[in-house]
């Protein structure tokens, strides 16, 4: 059994747990806490399927905070089991929720990493592919733009298997410089467009006619 198949079976198992929990609630078992657990569990399973299928559900920036919340929930559920006078039914809900949530923490944390193509738009993937090809044949790419009182300059290089962007932004009299690196060229394209006044159209205008290395 390969890892992908194991993940799919895990997702099917978790999805079945959500269905079983829903049926139990409809039959009168559980409490308000159980309903909250079921809702959180459904979101977690959505993230698990997204990770397996390589699809971006919701927003990349929401998954890591959600994972932190899930981890806190695991701790609180375990504390409740051992410190509060809860019923046997509640103990079952709390323990099962804590155990199965804990198993998803690492997966959901990785899923929330923005530096993946699954979070990129088609345009960012296309432009990132073009940038990646250019950086294979050129030591660096420099893009500059000035509009009104804003100015930006981005120097892009490839170091090993990572793409590095050195950004200088000026707004009025204020200037700041920072450096970021990424695994995926699509994330590089996203970063340049999001954190500077330079758009993907500007990248194409200044480097769209550059020749990429022949395949």
C-alpha atoms as a PDB file:
ATOM      1  CA  UNK A   1       0.000   0.000   0.000  1.00  0.00           C
ATOM      2  CA  UNK A   2       1.470   3.354  -1.036  1.00  0.00           C
ATOM      3  CA  UNK A   3       1.196   6.508   1.041  1.00  0.00           C
ATOM      4  CA  UNK A   4      -1.437   8.132  -1.185  1.00  0.00           C
ATOM      5  CA  UNK A   5      -3.740   5.135  -0.873  1.00  0.00           C
ATOM      6  CA  UNK A   6      -3.229   5.102   2.892  1.00  0.00           C
ATOM      7  CA  UNK A   7      -4.224   8.773   3.059  1.00  0.00           C
ATOM      8  CA  UNK A   8      -7.349   8.101   0.995  1.00  0.00           C
ATOM      9  CA  UNK A   9      -8.378   5.252   3.297  1.00  0.00           C
ATOM     10  CA  UNK A  10      -7.753   7.515   6.283  1.00  0.00           C
ATOM     11  CA  UNK A  11      -9.962  10.226   4.769  1.00  0.00           C
ATOM     12  CA  UNK A  12     -12.721   7.703   4.061  1.00  0.00           C
ATOM     13  CA  UNK A  13     -12.492   6.494   7.660  1.00  0.00           C
ATOM     14  CA  UNK A  14     -12.726  10.039   9.025  1.00  0.00           C
ATOM     15  CA  UNK A  15     -15.627  10.842   6.708  1.00  0.00           C
ATOM     16  CA  UNK A  16     -17.418   7.745   7.983  1.00  0.00           C
ATOM     17  CA  UNK A  17     -16.834   8.917  11.562  1.00  0.00           C
ATOM     18  CA  UNK A  18     -18.536  12.217  10.749  1.00  0.00           C
ATOM     19  CA  UNK A  19     -21.525  10.346   9.306  1.00  0.00           C
ATOM     20  CA  UNK A  20     -21.706   8.057  12.349  1.00  0.00           C
ATOM     21  CA  UNK A  21     -21.500  11.063  14.662  1.00  0.00           C
ATOM     22  CA  UNK A  22     -24.276  12.800  12.758  1.00  0.00           C
ATOM     23  CA  UNK A  23     -26.486   9.720  13.020  1.00  0.00           C
ATOM     24  CA  UNK A  24     -25.760   9.494  16.749  1.00  0.00           C
ATOM     25  CA  UNK A  25     -26.792  13.120  17.225  1.00  0.00           C
ATOM     26  CA  UNK A  26     -29.995  12.566  15.269  1.00  0.00           C
ATOM     27  CA  UNK A  27     -30.781   9.643  17.569  1.00  0.00           C
ATOM     28  CA  UNK A  28     -30.421  11.859  20.631  1.00  0.00           C
ATOM     29  CA  UNK A  29     -26.915  10.950  21.739  1.00  0.00           C
ATOM     30  CA  UNK A  30     -24.403  13.656  22.550  1.00  0.00           C
ATOM     31  CA  UNK A  31     -24.696  17.272  23.653  1.00  0.00           C
ATOM     32  CA  UNK A  32     -23.912  20.800  22.501  1.00  0.00           C
ATOM     33  CA  UNK A  33     -20.240  19.973  22.913  1.00  0.00           C
ATOM     34  CA  UNK A  34     -20.740  16.982  20.623  1.00  0.00           C
ATOM     35  CA  UNK A  35     -22.311  19.211  17.971  1.00  0.00           C
ATOM     36  CA  UNK A  36     -19.326  21.567  18.144  1.00  0.00           C
ATOM     37  CA  UNK A  37     -16.951  18.607  17.863  1.00  0.00           C
ATOM     38  CA  UNK A  38     -18.810  17.332  14.827  1.00  0.00           C
ATOM     39  CA  UNK A  39     -18.668  20.703  13.075  1.00  0.00           C
ATOM     40  CA  UNK A  40     -14.955  21.124  13.772  1.00  0.00           C
ATOM     41  CA  UNK A  41     -14.371  17.541  12.681  1.00  0.00           C
ATOM     42  CA  UNK A  42     -16.189  18.143   9.400  1.00  0.00           C
ATOM     43  CA  UNK A  43     -13.929  21.119   8.644  1.00  0.00           C
ATOM     44  CA  UNK A  44     -10.863  19.034   9.524  1.00  0.00           C
ATOM     45  CA  UNK A  45     -11.988  16.245   7.185  1.00  0.00           C
ATOM     46  CA  UNK A  46     -12.493  18.827   4.436  1.00  0.00           C
ATOM     47  CA  UNK A  47      -8.874  19.886   4.908  1.00  0.00           C
ATOM     48  CA  UNK A  48      -7.740  16.259   4.876  1.00  0.00           C
ATOM     49  CA  UNK A  49      -9.466  15.662   1.539  1.00  0.00           C
ATOM     50  CA  UNK A  50      -7.992  18.892   0.189  1.00  0.00           C
ATOM     51  CA  UNK A  51      -4.501  17.765   1.194  1.00  0.00           C
ATOM     52  CA  UNK A  52      -4.958  14.368  -0.438  1.00  0.00           C
ATOM     53  CA  UNK A  53      -6.533  15.654  -3.660  1.00  0.00           C
ATOM     54  CA  UNK A  54      -4.239  18.665  -3.978  1.00  0.00           C
ATOM     55  CA  UNK A  55      -7.173  21.087  -3.907  1.00  0.00           C
ATOM     56  CA  UNK A  56      -7.363  24.360  -2.028  1.00  0.00           C
ATOM     57  CA  UNK A  57     -10.483  24.581   0.124  1.00  0.00           C
ATOM     58  CA  UNK A  58     -11.332  27.788   1.979  1.00  0.00           C
ATOM     59  CA  UNK A  59      -8.155  29.881   2.299  1.00  0.00           C
ATOM     60  CA  UNK A  60      -4.552  28.878   2.947  1.00  0.00           C
ATOM     61  CA  UNK A  61      -4.256  31.511   5.694  1.00  0.00           C
ATOM     62  CA  UNK A  62      -7.127  29.951   7.649  1.00  0.00           C
ATOM     63  CA  UNK A  63      -5.762  26.428   8.000  1.00  0.00           C
ATOM     64  CA  UNK A  64      -2.814  26.982  10.307  1.00  0.00           C
ATOM     65  CA  UNK A  65      -4.857  29.043  12.801  1.00  0.00           C
ATOM     66  CA  UNK A  66      -7.490  26.312  12.556  1.00  0.00           C
ATOM     67  CA  UNK A  67      -4.797  23.713  13.311  1.00  0.00           C
ATOM     68  CA  UNK A  68      -3.703  25.678  16.376  1.00  0.00           C
ATOM     69  CA  UNK A  69      -7.325  25.876  17.511  1.00  0.00           C
ATOM     70  CA  UNK A  70      -7.649  22.132  16.937  1.00  0.00           C
ATOM     71  CA  UNK A  71      -4.553  21.457  19.052  1.00  0.00           C
ATOM     72  CA  UNK A  72      -5.928  23.623  21.860  1.00  0.00           C
ATOM     73  CA  UNK A  73      -9.206  21.728  21.569  1.00  0.00           C
ATOM     74  CA  UNK A  74      -7.383  18.420  21.989  1.00  0.00           C
ATOM     75  CA  UNK A  75      -5.773  19.644  25.215  1.00  0.00           C
ATOM     76  CA  UNK A  76      -9.050  21.035  26.559  1.00  0.00           C
ATOM     77  CA  UNK A  77     -10.919  17.818  25.795  1.00  0.00           C
ATOM     78  CA  UNK A  78      -8.329  15.722  27.611  1.00  0.00           C
ATOM     79  CA  UNK A  79      -8.393  18.096  30.574  1.00  0.00           C
ATOM     80  CA  UNK A  80     -12.183  17.861  30.663  1.00  0.00           C
ATOM     81  CA  UNK A  81     -12.049  14.060  30.727  1.00  0.00           C
ATOM     82  CA  UNK A  82      -9.672  13.964  33.680  1.00  0.00           C
ATOM     83  CA  UNK A  83     -10.812  16.983  35.688  1.00  0.00           C
ATOM     84  CA  UNK A  84     -14.554  17.502  35.140  1.00  0.00           C
ATOM     85  CA  UNK A  85     -17.506  15.364  36.277  1.00  0.00           C
ATOM     86  CA  UNK A  86     -18.708  14.302  32.812  1.00  0.00           C
ATOM     87  CA  UNK A  87     -20.996  11.434  31.864  1.00  0.00           C
ATOM     88  CA  UNK A  88     -19.777   8.245  30.233  1.00  0.00           C
ATOM     89  CA  UNK A  89     -21.311   9.337  26.931  1.00  0.00           C
ATOM     90  CA  UNK A  90     -19.474  12.660  27.099  1.00  0.00           C
ATOM     91  CA  UNK A  91     -16.223  10.878  27.937  1.00  0.00           C
ATOM     92  CA  UNK A  92     -16.622   8.812  24.768  1.00  0.00           C
ATOM     93  CA  UNK A  93     -17.205  11.932  22.662  1.00  0.00           C
ATOM     94  CA  UNK A  94     -14.334  13.837  24.275  1.00  0.00           C
ATOM     95  CA  UNK A  95     -11.771  11.046  24.033  1.00  0.00           C
ATOM     96  CA  UNK A  96     -12.650  10.110  20.469  1.00  0.00           C
ATOM     97  CA  UNK A  97     -12.601  13.764  19.441  1.00  0.00           C
ATOM     98  CA  UNK A  98      -9.212  14.367  21.055  1.00  0.00           C
ATOM     99  CA  UNK A  99      -7.592  11.236  19.633  1.00  0.00           C
ATOM    100  CA  UNK A 100      -8.802  11.638  16.076  1.00  0.00           C
ATOM    101  CA  UNK A 101      -8.132  15.386  16.024  1.00  0.00           C
ATOM    102  CA  UNK A 102      -4.565  14.848  17.213  1.00  0.00           C
ATOM    103  CA  UNK A 103      -3.911  12.530  14.273  1.00  0.00           C
ATOM    104  CA  UNK A 104      -4.775  15.307  11.802  1.00  0.00           C
ATOM    105  CA  UNK A 105      -2.649  18.107  13.239  1.00  0.00           C
ATOM    106  CA  UNK A 106       0.511  17.532  11.183  1.00  0.00           C
ATOM    107  CA  UNK A 107      -1.436  17.007   7.947  1.00  0.00           C
ATOM    108  CA  UNK A 108      -3.539  20.147   8.335  1.00  0.00           C
ATOM    109  CA  UNK A 109      -0.491  22.204   9.303  1.00  0.00           C
ATOM    110  CA  UNK A 110       1.266  21.149   6.088  1.00  0.00           C
ATOM    111  CA  UNK A 111      -1.926  21.773   4.132  1.00  0.00           C
ATOM    112  CA  UNK A 112      -1.930  25.384   5.337  1.00  0.00           C
ATOM    113  CA  UNK A 113       1.485  26.082   3.801  1.00  0.00           C
ATOM    114  CA  UNK A 114       0.874  28.782   1.154  1.00  0.00           C
ATOM    115  CA  UNK A 115       3.993  27.722  -0.754  1.00  0.00           C
ATOM    116  CA  UNK A 116       2.161  25.060  -2.793  1.00  0.00           C
ATOM    117  CA  UNK A 117       0.665  25.110  -6.280  1.00  0.00           C
ATOM    118  CA  UNK A 118      -2.707  24.010  -4.924  1.00  0.00           C
ATOM    119  CA  UNK A 119      -3.211  27.521  -3.497  1.00  0.00           C
ATOM    120  CA  UNK A 120      -2.082  29.319  -6.657  1.00  0.00           C
ATOM    121  CA  UNK A 121      -4.350  30.606  -9.395  1.00  0.00           C
ATOM    122  CA  UNK A 122      -3.928  29.357 -12.960  1.00  0.00           C
ATOM    123  CA  UNK A 123      -2.385  32.709 -13.855  1.00  0.00           C
ATOM    124  CA  UNK A 124       0.135  32.479 -11.004  1.00  0.00           C
ATOM    125  CA  UNK A 125       1.070  28.932 -11.993  1.00  0.00           C
ATOM    126  CA  UNK A 126       1.551  29.974 -15.617  1.00  0.00           C
ATOM    127  CA  UNK A 127       3.607  33.046 -14.750  1.00  0.00           C
ATOM    128  CA  UNK A 128       5.554  31.097 -12.124  1.00  0.00           C
ATOM    129  CA  UNK A 129       6.410  28.467 -14.721  1.00  0.00           C
ATOM    130  CA  UNK A 130       7.704  31.194 -17.034  1.00  0.00           C
ATOM    131  CA  UNK A 131       9.751  32.782 -14.239  1.00  0.00           C
ATOM    132  CA  UNK A 132      11.157  29.390 -13.281  1.00  0.00           C
ATOM    133  CA  UNK A 133      12.290  28.743 -16.852  1.00  0.00           C
ATOM    134  CA  UNK A 134      13.923  32.165 -17.102  1.00  0.00           C
ATOM    135  CA  UNK A 135      15.766  31.711 -13.811  1.00  0.00           C
ATOM    136  CA  UNK A 136      17.188  28.443 -15.107  1.00  0.00           C
ATOM    137  CA  UNK A 137      19.037  30.345 -17.833  1.00  0.00           C
ATOM    138  CA  UNK A 138      19.642  33.755 -16.245  1.00  0.00           C
ATOM    139  CA  UNK A 139      21.459  34.555 -12.994  1.00  0.00           C
ATOM    140  CA  UNK A 140      18.739  36.984 -11.932  1.00  0.00           C
ATOM    141  CA  UNK A 141      15.621  38.846 -12.993  1.00  0.00           C
ATOM    142  CA  UNK A 142      14.965  42.433 -11.983  1.00  0.00           C
ATOM    143  CA  UNK A 143      11.565  44.099 -12.238  1.00  0.00           C
ATOM    144  CA  UNK A 144      10.919  47.735 -11.368  1.00  0.00           C
ATOM    145  CA  UNK A 145       7.809  49.871 -11.324  1.00  0.00           C
ATOM    146  CA  UNK A 146       6.845  53.328 -10.199  1.00  0.00           C
ATOM    147  CA  UNK A 147       3.338  54.705  -9.996  1.00  0.00           C
ATOM    148  CA  UNK A 148       2.382  57.970  -8.309  1.00  0.00           C
ATOM    149  CA  UNK A 149       4.289  58.047  -5.001  1.00  0.00           C
ATOM    150  CA  UNK A 150       4.899  54.287  -4.885  1.00  0.00           C
ATOM    151  CA  UNK A 151       7.949  52.509  -6.220  1.00  0.00           C
ATOM    152  CA  UNK A 152       9.026  48.883  -6.112  1.00  0.00           C
ATOM    153  CA  UNK A 153      12.038  46.918  -7.249  1.00  0.00           C
ATOM    154  CA  UNK A 154      12.248  43.129  -7.096  1.00  0.00           C
ATOM    155  CA  UNK A 155      15.380  41.099  -7.727  1.00  0.00           C
ATOM    156  CA  UNK A 156      14.694  37.392  -8.252  1.00  0.00           C
ATOM    157  CA  UNK A 157      17.278  34.603  -8.210  1.00  0.00           C
ATOM    158  CA  UNK A 158      17.227  30.831  -7.939  1.00  0.00           C
ATOM    159  CA  UNK A 159      19.405  29.341  -5.216  1.00  0.00           C
ATOM    160  CA  UNK A 160      19.471  25.569  -5.260  1.00  0.00           C
ATOM    161  CA  UNK A 161      15.859  24.448  -5.425  1.00  0.00           C
ATOM    162  CA  UNK A 162      14.440  27.657  -3.953  1.00  0.00           C
ATOM    163  CA  UNK A 163      13.415  30.968  -5.476  1.00  0.00           C
ATOM    164  CA  UNK A 164      14.466  34.125  -3.675  1.00  0.00           C
ATOM    165  CA  UNK A 165      12.945  37.578  -4.042  1.00  0.00           C
ATOM    166  CA  UNK A 166      14.710  40.675  -2.712  1.00  0.00           C
ATOM    167  CA  UNK A 167      12.174  43.490  -2.499  1.00  0.00           C
ATOM    168  CA  UNK A 168      12.700  47.211  -2.102  1.00  0.00           C
ATOM    169  CA  UNK A 169       9.500  49.197  -1.611  1.00  0.00           C
ATOM    170  CA  UNK A 170       9.241  52.948  -1.370  1.00  0.00           C
ATOM    171  CA  UNK A 171       6.124  54.866  -0.406  1.00  0.00           C
ATOM    172  CA  UNK A 172       6.651  58.587  -0.211  1.00  0.00           C
ATOM    173  CA  UNK A 173       9.675  59.097   2.014  1.00  0.00           C
ATOM    174  CA  UNK A 174       9.463  55.638   3.556  1.00  0.00           C
ATOM    175  CA  UNK A 175      11.529  52.754   2.225  1.00  0.00           C
ATOM    176  CA  UNK A 176      11.770  49.138   3.300  1.00  0.00           C
ATOM    177  CA  UNK A 177      13.763  46.165   2.073  1.00  0.00           C
ATOM    178  CA  UNK A 178      13.126  42.494   2.765  1.00  0.00           C
ATOM    179  CA  UNK A 179      13.942  39.077   1.340  1.00  0.00           C
ATOM    180  CA  UNK A 180      11.720  36.011   1.012  1.00  0.00           C
ATOM    181  CA  UNK A 181      12.352  32.589  -0.481  1.00  0.00           C
ATOM    182  CA  UNK A 182       9.944  29.975  -1.820  1.00  0.00           C
ATOM    183  CA  UNK A 183       9.852  26.401  -3.051  1.00  0.00           C
ATOM    184  CA  UNK A 184       7.356  27.016  -5.841  1.00  0.00           C
ATOM    185  CA  UNK A 185       7.728  29.643  -8.598  1.00  0.00           C
ATOM    186  CA  UNK A 186       3.957  30.169  -8.520  1.00  0.00           C
ATOM    187  CA  UNK A 187       4.318  31.397  -4.933  1.00  0.00           C
ATOM    188  CA  UNK A 188       7.055  33.756  -6.104  1.00  0.00           C
ATOM    189  CA  UNK A 189       4.640  35.220  -8.662  1.00  0.00           C
ATOM    190  CA  UNK A 190       1.923  35.507  -5.992  1.00  0.00           C
ATOM    191  CA  UNK A 191       4.307  37.189  -3.552  1.00  0.00           C
ATOM    192  CA  UNK A 192       5.526  39.804  -6.027  1.00  0.00           C
ATOM    193  CA  UNK A 193       1.990  40.749  -7.011  1.00  0.00           C
ATOM    194  CA  UNK A 194       0.620  40.763  -3.447  1.00  0.00           C
ATOM    195  CA  UNK A 195       3.360  42.642  -1.614  1.00  0.00           C
ATOM    196  CA  UNK A 196       4.449  45.166  -4.241  1.00  0.00           C
ATOM    197  CA  UNK A 197       2.766  47.380  -6.799  1.00  0.00           C
ATOM    198  CA  UNK A 198       4.147  45.089  -9.521  1.00  0.00           C
ATOM    199  CA  UNK A 199       1.511  42.954 -11.233  1.00  0.00           C
ATOM    200  CA  UNK A 200       1.797  39.767 -13.250  1.00  0.00           C
ATOM    201  CA  UNK A 201       1.172  41.911 -16.325  1.00  0.00           C
ATOM    202  CA  UNK A 202       4.236  43.995 -15.419  1.00  0.00           C
ATOM    203  CA  UNK A 203       6.315  40.826 -15.133  1.00  0.00           C
ATOM    204  CA  UNK A 204       5.208  39.751 -18.591  1.00  0.00           C
ATOM    205  CA  UNK A 205       5.784  43.210 -20.035  1.00  0.00           C
ATOM    206  CA  UNK A 206       9.380  43.363 -18.783  1.00  0.00           C
ATOM    207  CA  UNK A 207      10.373  39.726 -19.248  1.00  0.00           C
ATOM    208  CA  UNK A 208       7.674  38.154 -21.385  1.00  0.00           C
ATOM    209  CA  UNK A 209       9.854  38.220 -24.497  1.00  0.00           C
ATOM    210  CA  UNK A 210      12.928  36.790 -22.780  1.00  0.00           C
ATOM    211  CA  UNK A 211      13.881  33.391 -24.062  1.00  0.00           C
ATOM    212  CA  UNK A 212      13.568  30.414 -21.754  1.00  0.00           C
ATOM    213  CA  UNK A 213      15.989  27.500 -22.122  1.00  0.00           C
ATOM    214  CA  UNK A 214      15.113  25.013 -24.830  1.00  0.00           C
ATOM    215  CA  UNK A 215      13.557  21.760 -23.643  1.00  0.00           C
END
